[in-house]
C-alpha cells in the first residue's frame, strides 16, 4: 500500500517537473518522497518535519501532497488495529478510516 503512495507522489512530482521544466529532485528530493511514504503525515505540521522537503514545496504544495496521501487511504503509523506488527493480528479492513481518523 505504501508503494502505491510512493508511485502517486512520484507521478505528481513528474508532472510538476515537466510543467516547471525542472529536474524531479528539484521538485521533491527522493529522500523526501521516501520519508513521506514511510511516515504518512496527515497534517502540514507533520509534513514539515519531512527529511529534505524544500520549504517552497511545503508552502506552495503541502495541501496538494496531503490530498495525495489522503487519496491513498493508508492507515496511520500508530493505528494498532491496522499495523502489521500488532498482536493479535486481526484481518485488515479495506479502508481503516473508521479506526484511524
C-alpha atoms as a PDB file:
ATOM      1  CA  UNK A   1       0.000   0.000   0.000  1.00  0.00           C
ATOM      2  CA  UNK A   2       2.824   2.413   0.785  1.00  0.00           C
ATOM      3  CA  UNK A   3       4.268   1.577  -2.617  1.00  0.00           C
ATOM      4  CA  UNK A   4       1.074   2.954  -4.161  1.00  0.00           C
ATOM      5  CA  UNK A   5       1.570   6.181  -2.220  1.00  0.00           C
ATOM      6  CA  UNK A   6       5.187   6.361  -3.408  1.00  0.00           C
ATOM      7  CA  UNK A   7       4.055   5.875  -7.008  1.00  0.00           C
ATOM      8  CA  UNK A   8       1.344   8.540  -6.658  1.00  0.00           C
ATOM      9  CA  UNK A   9       3.842  11.018  -5.195  1.00  0.00           C
ATOM     10  CA  UNK A  10       6.383  10.191  -7.917  1.00  0.00           C
ATOM     11  CA  UNK A  11       3.749  10.761 -10.618  1.00  0.00           C
ATOM     12  CA  UNK A  12       2.803  14.110  -9.047  1.00  0.00           C
ATOM     13  CA  UNK A  13       6.484  15.066  -8.875  1.00  0.00           C
ATOM     14  CA  UNK A  14       6.990  14.101 -12.529  1.00  0.00           C
ATOM     15  CA  UNK A  15       4.042  16.230 -13.668  1.00  0.00           C
ATOM     16  CA  UNK A  16       5.318  19.187 -11.651  1.00  0.00           C
ATOM     17  CA  UNK A  17       8.853  18.751 -13.015  1.00  0.00           C
ATOM     18  CA  UNK A  18       7.604  18.695 -16.606  1.00  0.00           C
ATOM     19  CA  UNK A  19       5.410  21.743 -16.057  1.00  0.00           C
ATOM     20  CA  UNK A  20       8.256  23.676 -14.407  1.00  0.00           C
ATOM     21  CA  UNK A  21      10.927  22.306 -16.763  1.00  0.00           C
ATOM     22  CA  UNK A  22      13.000  21.320 -13.726  1.00  0.00           C
ATOM     23  CA  UNK A  23      14.629  18.074 -12.591  1.00  0.00           C
ATOM     24  CA  UNK A  24      12.448  15.768 -10.492  1.00  0.00           C
ATOM     25  CA  UNK A  25      14.723  16.081  -7.458  1.00  0.00           C
ATOM     26  CA  UNK A  26      14.441  19.863  -7.651  1.00  0.00           C
ATOM     27  CA  UNK A  27      10.685  19.473  -7.105  1.00  0.00           C
ATOM     28  CA  UNK A  28      10.789  16.781  -4.406  1.00  0.00           C
ATOM     29  CA  UNK A  29      14.029  15.004  -3.450  1.00  0.00           C
ATOM     30  CA  UNK A  30      13.993  11.200  -3.372  1.00  0.00           C
ATOM     31  CA  UNK A  31      14.687  11.263   0.383  1.00  0.00           C
ATOM     32  CA  UNK A  32      11.611  13.428   0.985  1.00  0.00           C
ATOM     33  CA  UNK A  33       9.429  11.198  -1.191  1.00  0.00           C
ATOM     34  CA  UNK A  34      10.593   8.094   0.715  1.00  0.00           C
ATOM     35  CA  UNK A  35      10.109   9.788   4.085  1.00  0.00           C
ATOM     36  CA  UNK A  36       6.560  10.820   3.213  1.00  0.00           C
ATOM     37  CA  UNK A  37       5.703   7.308   2.002  1.00  0.00           C
ATOM     38  CA  UNK A  38       7.093   5.743   5.201  1.00  0.00           C
ATOM     39  CA  UNK A  39       5.746   8.220   7.754  1.00  0.00           C
ATOM     40  CA  UNK A  40       2.422   9.052   6.023  1.00  0.00           C
ATOM     41  CA  UNK A  41       1.985  12.545   7.505  1.00  0.00           C
ATOM     42  CA  UNK A  42      -1.634  13.711   7.869  1.00  0.00           C
ATOM     43  CA  UNK A  43      -1.112  17.356   8.854  1.00  0.00           C
ATOM     44  CA  UNK A  44       1.051  20.185   7.496  1.00  0.00           C
ATOM     45  CA  UNK A  45       2.953  20.231  10.797  1.00  0.00           C
ATOM     46  CA  UNK A  46       3.846  16.546  10.320  1.00  0.00           C
ATOM     47  CA  UNK A  47       4.727  17.137   6.667  1.00  0.00           C
ATOM     48  CA  UNK A  48       7.019  19.993   7.718  1.00  0.00           C
ATOM     49  CA  UNK A  49       9.285  17.534   9.545  1.00  0.00           C
ATOM     50  CA  UNK A  50       9.890  15.537   6.351  1.00  0.00           C
ATOM     51  CA  UNK A  51      13.568  14.986   5.547  1.00  0.00           C
ATOM     52  CA  UNK A  52      14.850  17.293   2.796  1.00  0.00           C
ATOM     53  CA  UNK A  53      11.427  18.756   1.983  1.00  0.00           C
ATOM     54  CA  UNK A  54      12.005  22.168   0.369  1.00  0.00           C
ATOM     55  CA  UNK A  55      10.196  24.954   2.241  1.00  0.00           C
ATOM     56  CA  UNK A  56       8.727  26.252  -1.025  1.00  0.00           C
ATOM     57  CA  UNK A  57       7.137  22.884  -1.752  1.00  0.00           C
ATOM     58  CA  UNK A  58       5.713  22.741   1.773  1.00  0.00           C
ATOM     59  CA  UNK A  59       4.281  26.254   1.489  1.00  0.00           C
ATOM     60  CA  UNK A  60       3.021  26.020  -2.099  1.00  0.00           C
ATOM     61  CA  UNK A  61       2.127  22.336  -2.448  1.00  0.00           C
ATOM     62  CA  UNK A  62       1.761  20.964   1.069  1.00  0.00           C
ATOM     63  CA  UNK A  63      -2.018  20.719   0.893  1.00  0.00           C
ATOM     64  CA  UNK A  64      -1.787  19.029  -2.509  1.00  0.00           C
ATOM     65  CA  UNK A  65       0.666  16.455  -1.119  1.00  0.00           C
ATOM     66  CA  UNK A  66      -1.648  15.826   1.843  1.00  0.00           C
ATOM     67  CA  UNK A  67      -4.550  15.261  -0.561  1.00  0.00           C
ATOM     68  CA  UNK A  68      -2.459  12.633  -2.401  1.00  0.00           C
ATOM     69  CA  UNK A  69      -1.790  10.943   0.941  1.00  0.00           C
ATOM     70  CA  UNK A  70      -5.481  11.102   1.853  1.00  0.00           C
ATOM     71  CA  UNK A  71      -6.454   9.589  -1.509  1.00  0.00           C
ATOM     72  CA  UNK A  72      -4.138   6.631  -0.840  1.00  0.00           C
ATOM     73  CA  UNK A  73      -6.263   5.718   2.233  1.00  0.00           C
ATOM     74  CA  UNK A  74      -3.339   4.361   4.240  1.00  0.00           C
ATOM     75  CA  UNK A  75      -3.577   3.617   7.947  1.00  0.00           C
ATOM     76  CA  UNK A  76      -1.747   5.948  10.292  1.00  0.00           C
ATOM     77  CA  UNK A  77       1.563   4.684  11.622  1.00  0.00           C
ATOM     78  CA  UNK A  78       0.238   4.437  15.196  1.00  0.00           C
ATOM     79  CA  UNK A  79      -3.016   2.606  14.449  1.00  0.00           C
ATOM     80  CA  UNK A  80      -2.639  -0.643  16.429  1.00  0.00           C
ATOM     81  CA  UNK A  81      -5.565  -2.267  14.646  1.00  0.00           C
ATOM     82  CA  UNK A  82      -4.024  -1.706  11.203  1.00  0.00           C
ATOM     83  CA  UNK A  83      -0.316  -2.184  11.923  1.00  0.00           C
ATOM     84  CA  UNK A  84       1.178  -5.373  10.566  1.00  0.00           C
ATOM     85  CA  UNK A  85       3.146  -5.968  13.800  1.00  0.00           C
ATOM     86  CA  UNK A  86       0.132  -5.668  16.123  1.00  0.00           C
ATOM     87  CA  UNK A  87      -0.620  -8.829  18.111  1.00  0.00           C
ATOM     88  CA  UNK A  88      -3.050 -10.440  17.649  1.00  0.00           C
ATOM     89  CA  UNK A  89      -3.341  -9.576  14.001  1.00  0.00           C
ATOM     90  CA  UNK A  90      -6.993  -9.025  13.053  1.00  0.00           C
ATOM     91  CA  UNK A  91      -7.959  -9.030   9.392  1.00  0.00           C
ATOM     92  CA  UNK A  92      -7.050  -5.674   7.880  1.00  0.00           C
ATOM     93  CA  UNK A  93     -10.034  -3.641   6.770  1.00  0.00           C
ATOM     94  CA  UNK A  94     -10.126  -2.465   3.173  1.00  0.00           C
ATOM     95  CA  UNK A  95     -10.172   1.098   4.460  1.00  0.00           C
ATOM     96  CA  UNK A  96      -9.376   1.852   8.048  1.00  0.00           C
ATOM     97  CA  UNK A  97     -10.886   5.312   8.021  1.00  0.00           C
ATOM     98  CA  UNK A  98     -13.166   4.204  10.844  1.00  0.00           C
ATOM     99  CA  UNK A  99     -10.292   3.459  13.220  1.00  0.00           C
ATOM    100  CA  UNK A 100      -7.622   5.886  12.023  1.00  0.00           C
ATOM    101  CA  UNK A 101      -9.491   9.117  11.508  1.00  0.00           C
END
